[in-house]
Amino acid sequence: MAAFMRNYEGETYALMRIVVGLLFLWHGAQKLLGIPVPMPAGMEVPAFIIWIAGPIELFGGILVMIGLFTRWAAFLCSGLMAFAYWMGHGANSQHWTAHGWKAVFPSINQGELAILYCFVFLFIAARGAGRWSFDGARGSD
């Protein structure tokens, strides 16, 4: 394995946390603020998704990105993505009608991103903020 990377484990983890938080906050910014682009025309998004998921994505993403209250923010984001997978992808009746029990597979129900975010945030919640974080600076990681 690439032993040379072992020396950069802390920095690499911090970069992952920062980038994941940054990418996640844009989902909330799109839902709540219409930036960088508004939701696609004709895409019906229930109000509870905009007003519950949007703030969690925006503010949770910011907190994870800067490493502030990281464990709690990441745990909340992980739970949101687990809920999103089962409510928006795993239980999607269109997929069940067309594919039957195979609809639980992410390659069929387009739930890969929700699962990936769920488990990355779960890992961040377990590991903490690490380097380059406000939690680390406050000594509360």
Protein backbone atom coordinates (compact mmCIF):
# COMPACT_ATOMS: atom_id res chain seq x y z
CA MET A 1 0.00 0.00 0.00
CA ALA A 2 1.03 3.63 -0.36
CA ALA A 3 2.95 4.05 2.89
CA PHE A 4 4.01 7.57 1.92
CA MET A 5 0.40 8.73 2.43
CA ARG A 6 0.44 7.60 6.07
CA ASN A 7 2.33 10.81 6.90
CA TYR A 8 -0.58 12.86 5.48
CA GLU A 9 -3.50 11.03 7.03
CA GLY A 10 -4.59 14.01 9.15
CA GLU A 11 -4.40 16.49 6.31
CA THR A 12 -6.14 14.12 3.89
CA TYR A 13 -8.96 13.52 6.35
CA ALA A 14 -9.33 17.28 6.90
CA LEU A 15 -9.51 17.85 3.14
CA MET A 16 -12.20 15.17 2.83
CA ARG A 17 -14.23 16.74 5.67
CA ILE A 18 -13.92 20.22 4.15
CA VAL A 19 -14.85 19.13 0.62
CA VAL A 20 -17.77 16.94 1.77
CA GLY A 21 -19.14 19.82 3.87
CA LEU A 22 -18.71 22.24 0.98
CA LEU A 23 -20.47 19.95 -1.50
CA PHE A 24 -23.28 19.26 0.96
CA LEU A 25 -23.94 22.90 1.78
CA TRP A 26 -24.59 23.61 -1.91
CA HIS A 27 -27.54 21.21 -1.84
CA GLY A 28 -29.11 23.32 0.91
CA ALA A 29 -28.16 26.59 -0.79
CA GLN A 30 -29.91 25.42 -3.95
CA LYS A 31 -33.07 24.45 -2.05
CA LEU A 32 -33.25 27.56 0.14
CA LEU A 33 -31.58 30.31 -1.88
CA GLY A 34 -31.67 29.09 -5.47
CA ILE A 35 -27.88 29.33 -5.76
CA PRO A 36 -25.78 28.52 -7.62
CA VAL A 37 -28.82 27.66 -9.78
CA PRO A 38 -32.51 27.30 -8.91
CA MET A 39 -34.09 23.88 -8.62
CA PRO A 40 -34.79 22.49 -12.11
CA ALA A 41 -38.06 23.65 -13.66
CA GLY A 42 -40.83 21.13 -13.29
CA MET A 43 -39.10 19.38 -10.39
CA GLU A 44 -41.71 19.12 -7.67
CA VAL A 45 -40.01 19.25 -4.29
CA PRO A 46 -42.29 18.92 -1.25
CA ALA A 47 -42.18 21.88 1.13
CA PHE A 48 -40.98 19.74 4.06
CA ILE A 49 -37.88 18.77 2.06
CA ILE A 50 -37.08 22.40 1.33
CA TRP A 51 -37.72 23.64 4.87
CA ILE A 52 -36.29 20.70 6.83
CA ALA A 53 -33.61 19.19 4.60
CA GLY A 54 -32.50 22.55 3.16
CA PRO A 55 -31.36 24.10 6.47
CA ILE A 56 -29.75 20.84 7.64
CA GLU A 57 -27.83 20.60 4.36
CA LEU A 58 -26.82 24.27 4.35
CA PHE A 59 -25.89 24.77 8.00
CA GLY A 60 -24.80 21.18 8.62
CA GLY A 61 -22.52 21.42 5.58
CA ILE A 62 -21.06 24.69 6.83
CA LEU A 63 -20.44 23.28 10.32
CA VAL A 64 -18.80 20.13 8.98
CA MET A 65 -16.73 22.14 6.51
CA ILE A 66 -15.33 24.51 9.14
CA GLY A 67 -15.15 21.79 11.78
CA LEU A 68 -17.44 23.35 14.38
CA PHE A 69 -19.69 21.04 16.45
CA THR A 70 -18.57 18.55 13.87
CA ARG A 71 -19.66 15.31 15.49
CA TRP A 72 -23.24 16.50 16.09
CA ALA A 73 -23.56 18.21 12.71
CA ALA A 74 -22.22 15.18 10.85
CA PHE A 75 -24.47 12.82 12.82
CA LEU A 76 -27.52 14.93 11.93
CA CYS A 77 -26.47 15.07 8.26
CA SER A 78 -25.94 11.30 8.25
CA GLY A 79 -29.43 10.73 9.63
CA LEU A 80 -30.92 13.10 7.08
CA MET A 81 -29.28 11.15 4.27
CA ALA A 82 -30.47 7.81 5.67
CA PHE A 83 -33.99 9.24 5.76
CA ALA A 84 -33.55 10.68 2.25
CA TYR A 85 -32.46 7.33 0.90
CA TRP A 86 -35.39 5.38 2.28
CA MET A 87 -38.06 8.04 1.69
CA GLY A 88 -36.86 9.37 -1.64
CA HIS A 89 -35.10 6.45 -3.23
CA GLY A 90 -35.71 3.11 -1.52
CA ALA A 91 -39.45 3.62 -1.15
CA ASN A 92 -39.99 5.26 -4.56
CA SER A 93 -43.08 3.57 -5.97
CA GLN A 94 -41.96 4.13 -9.57
CA HIS A 95 -38.90 2.00 -8.99
CA TRP A 96 -40.86 -0.67 -7.11
CA THR A 97 -43.42 -0.89 -9.88
CA ALA A 98 -40.78 -1.28 -12.56
CA HIS A 99 -38.21 -3.41 -10.69
CA GLY A 100 -39.89 -5.10 -7.72
CA TRP A 101 -37.59 -5.97 -4.80
CA LYS A 102 -34.55 -4.89 -6.85
CA ALA A 103 -35.66 -1.29 -6.28
CA VAL A 104 -33.70 -1.25 -3.00
CA PHE A 105 -30.44 -1.26 -4.97
CA PRO A 106 -28.93 2.21 -5.37
CA SER A 107 -28.01 1.56 -8.99
CA ILE A 108 -31.71 1.24 -9.75
CA ASN A 109 -33.21 3.92 -7.48
CA GLN A 110 -30.49 6.58 -7.97
CA GLY A 111 -29.72 6.64 -4.26
CA GLU A 112 -25.92 6.31 -4.48
CA LEU A 113 -25.23 9.89 -3.42
CA ALA A 114 -27.54 9.68 -0.40
CA ILE A 115 -25.88 6.45 0.77
CA LEU A 116 -22.40 7.83 0.21
CA TYR A 117 -23.16 11.04 2.13
CA CYS A 118 -24.83 9.00 4.90
CA PHE A 119 -21.78 6.85 5.55
CA VAL A 120 -19.17 9.58 5.04
CA PHE A 121 -21.00 11.76 7.56
CA LEU A 122 -21.30 8.81 9.92
CA PHE A 123 -17.52 8.32 9.69
CA ILE A 124 -16.95 12.04 10.32
CA ALA A 125 -19.29 11.90 13.34
CA ALA A 126 -17.29 9.00 14.77
CA ARG A 127 -13.85 10.43 13.96
CA GLY A 128 -14.45 14.10 14.80
CA ALA A 129 -13.19 17.23 13.11
CA GLY A 130 -9.47 16.56 13.08
CA ARG A 131 -7.03 19.15 11.79
CA TRP A 132 -7.84 22.56 10.39
CA SER A 133 -11.04 22.85 12.43
CA PHE A 134 -12.62 25.12 14.99
CA ASP A 135 -13.25 22.10 17.21
CA GLY A 136 -9.53 21.26 17.09
CA ALA A 137 -8.62 24.87 17.87
CA ARG A 138 -11.03 24.89 20.83
CA GLY A 139 -9.67 21.57 22.07
CA SER A 140 -13.13 19.98 21.90
CA ASP A 141 -12.55 17.45 19.13
